[in-house]
C-alpha atoms as a PDB file:
ATOM      1  CA  UNK A   1      16.378  83.393-108.372  1.00  0.00           C
ATOM      2  CA  UNK A   2      16.528  86.989-108.919  1.00  0.00           C
ATOM      3  CA  UNK A   3      18.420  89.569-106.939  1.00  0.00           C
ATOM      4  CA  UNK A   4      16.987  90.728-103.721  1.00  0.00           C
ATOM      5  CA  UNK A   5      14.730  93.165-103.320  1.00  0.00           C
ATOM      6  CA  UNK A   6      14.478  96.030-100.866  1.00  0.00           C
ATOM      7  CA  UNK A   7      11.614  94.629 -99.120  1.00  0.00           C
ATOM      8  CA  UNK A   8      13.825  91.360 -98.610  1.00  0.00           C
ATOM      9  CA  UNK A   9      17.147  93.026 -97.853  1.00  0.00           C
ATOM     10  CA  UNK A  10      15.177  95.397 -95.746  1.00  0.00           C
ATOM     11  CA  UNK A  11      13.687  92.762 -93.734  1.00  0.00           C
ATOM     12  CA  UNK A  12      17.231  90.966 -93.332  1.00  0.00           C
ATOM     13  CA  UNK A  13      18.477  94.140 -92.315  1.00  0.00           C
ATOM     14  CA  UNK A  14      16.210  94.510 -89.801  1.00  0.00           C
ATOM     15  CA  UNK A  15      16.236  91.207 -87.984  1.00  0.00           C
ATOM     16  CA  UNK A  16      19.899  91.002 -87.911  1.00  0.00           C
ATOM     17  CA  UNK A  17      20.111  94.833 -86.424  1.00  0.00           C
ATOM     18  CA  UNK A  18      17.272  93.527 -83.835  1.00  0.00           C
ATOM     19  CA  UNK A  19      18.899  90.749 -82.841  1.00  0.00           C
ATOM     20  CA  UNK A  20      22.460  92.587 -82.317  1.00  0.00           C
ATOM     21  CA  UNK A  21      20.795  95.564 -80.275  1.00  0.00           C
ATOM     22  CA  UNK A  22      19.825  92.927 -77.744  1.00  0.00           C
ATOM     23  CA  UNK A  23      22.970  90.926 -77.747  1.00  0.00           C
ATOM     24  CA  UNK A  24      25.302  94.199 -77.501  1.00  0.00           C
ATOM     25  CA  UNK A  25      23.105  95.494 -74.525  1.00  0.00           C
ATOM     26  CA  UNK A  26      23.300  92.007 -72.963  1.00  0.00           C
ATOM     27  CA  UNK A  27      27.319  92.060 -73.804  1.00  0.00           C
ATOM     28  CA  UNK A  28      27.488  95.975 -72.388  1.00  0.00           C
ATOM     29  CA  UNK A  29      25.365  94.488 -68.936  1.00  0.00           C
ATOM     30  CA  UNK A  30      27.933  91.549 -68.401  1.00  0.00           C
ATOM     31  CA  UNK A  31      31.223  93.590 -68.527  1.00  0.00           C
ATOM     32  CA  UNK A  32      29.462  96.698 -66.465  1.00  0.00           C
ATOM     33  CA  UNK A  33      28.981  93.651 -64.076  1.00  0.00           C
ATOM     34  CA  UNK A  34      32.214  91.814 -64.126  1.00  0.00           C
ATOM     35  CA  UNK A  35      30.943  89.072 -65.110  1.00  0.00           C
ATOM     36  CA  UNK A  36      33.803  86.406 -64.679  1.00  0.00           C
ATOM     37  CA  UNK A  37      32.726  84.720 -68.108  1.00  0.00           C
ATOM     38  CA  UNK A  38      34.141  87.846 -69.877  1.00  0.00           C
ATOM     39  CA  UNK A  39      38.263  88.248 -69.389  1.00  0.00           C
ATOM     40  CA  UNK A  40      38.864  91.977 -69.895  1.00  0.00           C
ATOM     41  CA  UNK A  41      41.455  93.900 -68.227  1.00  0.00           C
ATOM     42  CA  UNK A  42      39.865  96.292 -65.387  1.00  0.00           C
ATOM     43  CA  UNK A  43      41.127  99.265 -67.398  1.00  0.00           C
ATOM     44  CA  UNK A  44      39.027  98.532 -70.214  1.00  0.00           C
ATOM     45  CA  UNK A  45      35.952  96.839 -68.979  1.00  0.00           C
ATOM     46  CA  UNK A  46      34.242 100.757 -68.601  1.00  0.00           C
ATOM     47  CA  UNK A  47      34.992 101.301 -71.620  1.00  0.00           C
ATOM     48  CA  UNK A  48      33.968  98.170 -73.358  1.00  0.00           C
ATOM     49  CA  UNK A  49      30.749  98.498 -71.520  1.00  0.00           C
ATOM     50  CA  UNK A  50      30.417 101.793 -72.895  1.00  0.00           C
ATOM     51  CA  UNK A  51      31.563 101.231 -76.669  1.00  0.00           C
ATOM     52  CA  UNK A  52      28.861  98.416 -76.277  1.00  0.00           C
ATOM     53  CA  UNK A  53      25.464 100.832 -75.263  1.00  0.00           C
ATOM     54  CA  UNK A  54      27.151 103.356 -78.539  1.00  0.00           C
ATOM     55  CA  UNK A  55      26.887 100.072 -81.242  1.00  0.00           C
ATOM     56  CA  UNK A  56      23.828  99.122 -79.771  1.00  0.00           C
ATOM     57  CA  UNK A  57      22.271 102.623 -80.110  1.00  0.00           C
ATOM     58  CA  UNK A  58      23.428 102.406 -83.383  1.00  0.00           C
ATOM     59  CA  UNK A  59      22.439  99.043 -84.293  1.00  0.00           C
ATOM     60  CA  UNK A  60      18.578  99.966 -82.975  1.00  0.00           C
ATOM     61  CA  UNK A  61      18.891 103.101 -85.536  1.00  0.00           C
ATOM     62  CA  UNK A  62      19.371 100.977 -88.195  1.00  0.00           C
ATOM     63  CA  UNK A  63      16.924  98.401 -87.366  1.00  0.00           C
ATOM     64  CA  UNK A  64      14.096 101.186 -87.114  1.00  0.00           C
ATOM     65  CA  UNK A  65      15.902 102.593 -90.752  1.00  0.00           C
ATOM     66  CA  UNK A  66      15.356  98.822 -92.429  1.00  0.00           C
ATOM     67  CA  UNK A  67      11.514  98.843 -91.013  1.00  0.00           C
ATOM     68  CA  UNK A  68      10.720 102.119 -92.657  1.00  0.00           C
ATOM     69  CA  UNK A  69      12.299 100.746 -95.554  1.00  0.00           C
ATOM     70  CA  UNK A  70      10.386  97.782 -95.046  1.00  0.00           C
ATOM     71  CA  UNK A  71       6.903  99.389 -94.841  1.00  0.00           C
ATOM     72  CA  UNK A  72       7.687 101.671 -97.223  1.00  0.00           C
ATOM     73  CA  UNK A  73       8.236  99.280-100.135  1.00  0.00           C
ATOM     74  CA  UNK A  74       4.960  97.087 -98.827  1.00  0.00           C
ATOM     75  CA  UNK A  75       3.117 100.249 -99.355  1.00  0.00           C
ATOM     76  CA  UNK A  76       4.701 101.099-102.687  1.00  0.00           C
ATOM     77  CA  UNK A  77       3.916  97.677-103.968  1.00  0.00           C
ATOM     78  CA  UNK A  78       0.113  97.708-102.986  1.00  0.00           C
ATOM     79  CA  UNK A  79       0.010 100.805-105.216  1.00  0.00           C
ATOM     80  CA  UNK A  80      -1.599 100.424-109.003  1.00  0.00           C
ATOM     81  CA  UNK A  81       0.781  99.885-111.822  1.00  0.00           C
ATOM     82  CA  UNK A  82       1.548 103.321-113.597  1.00  0.00           C
ATOM     83  CA  UNK A  83       0.126 105.399-110.486  1.00  0.00           C
ATOM     84  CA  UNK A  84       3.139 107.876-109.114  1.00  0.00           C
ATOM     85  CA  UNK A  85       3.340 109.996-106.378  1.00  0.00           C
ATOM     86  CA  UNK A  86       4.001 113.570-106.992  1.00  0.00           C
ATOM     87  CA  UNK A  87       5.427 115.841-103.972  1.00  0.00           C
ATOM     88  CA  UNK A  88       4.115 119.292-103.411  1.00  0.00           C
ATOM     89  CA  UNK A  89       6.077 121.633-100.727  1.00  0.00           C
ATOM     90  CA  UNK A  90       3.608 122.920 -98.505  1.00  0.00           C
ATOM     91  CA  UNK A  91       2.595 126.436 -99.494  1.00  0.00           C
ATOM     92  CA  UNK A  92       4.026 125.675-103.020  1.00  0.00           C
ATOM     93  CA  UNK A  93       1.924 126.241-106.380  1.00  0.00           C
ATOM     94  CA  UNK A  94       0.734 123.246-108.010  1.00  0.00           C
ATOM     95  CA  UNK A  95       2.954 122.373-110.852  1.00  0.00           C
ATOM     96  CA  UNK A  96       2.313 120.510-113.999  1.00  0.00           C
ATOM     97  CA  UNK A  97       3.655 116.782-113.721  1.00  0.00           C
ATOM     98  CA  UNK A  98       7.216 116.513-115.093  1.00  0.00           C
ATOM     99  CA  UNK A  99       7.759 115.007-118.746  1.00  0.00           C
ATOM    100  CA  UNK A 100       9.245 112.164-117.602  1.00  0.00           C
ATOM    101  CA  UNK A 101       7.000 110.130-115.222  1.00  0.00           C
ATOM    102  CA  UNK A 102       8.980 107.148-113.968  1.00  0.00           C
ATOM    103  CA  UNK A 103      12.220 105.922-114.513  1.00  0.00           C
ATOM    104  CA  UNK A 104      10.878 102.750-116.952  1.00  0.00           C
ATOM    105  CA  UNK A 105       9.280 105.123-119.610  1.00  0.00           C
ATOM    106  CA  UNK A 106      13.035 106.689-120.339  1.00  0.00           C
ATOM    107  CA  UNK A 107      13.975 105.135-123.976  1.00  0.00           C
ATOM    108  CA  UNK A 108      17.051 105.644-125.601  1.00  0.00           C
ATOM    109  CA  UNK A 109      17.499 108.322-128.115  1.00  0.00           C
ATOM    110  CA  UNK A 110      18.853 107.608-132.110  1.00  0.00           C
ATOM    111  CA  UNK A 111      22.500 109.502-132.159  1.00  0.00           C
ATOM    112  CA  UNK A 112      22.803 112.099-134.900  1.00  0.00           C
ATOM    113  CA  UNK A 113      25.548 111.460-137.051  1.00  0.00           C
END
């Protein structure tokens, strides 16, 4: 088995973030409503509920970021081999492609003695 690819890692992180988001929202609601199944000091309940909602928003952000990388990797993997993408800034003049088109074409130069 090889190492985890970008697609595999982003899918795993996305699923975990998605589940974590809903768990933290559920936990924040339960703490905010004063559920007897969660024992906290009454003074800390409001702060704890707010912290759960803030954490769930962070998890949702990571879920969206993971989905972006997963979709991006799927698009890149369907591109024919050797086809490179160059980005031009709006309003800029077209430039010549770089000398080295992708990392795989780099070779070591012999050292000068």
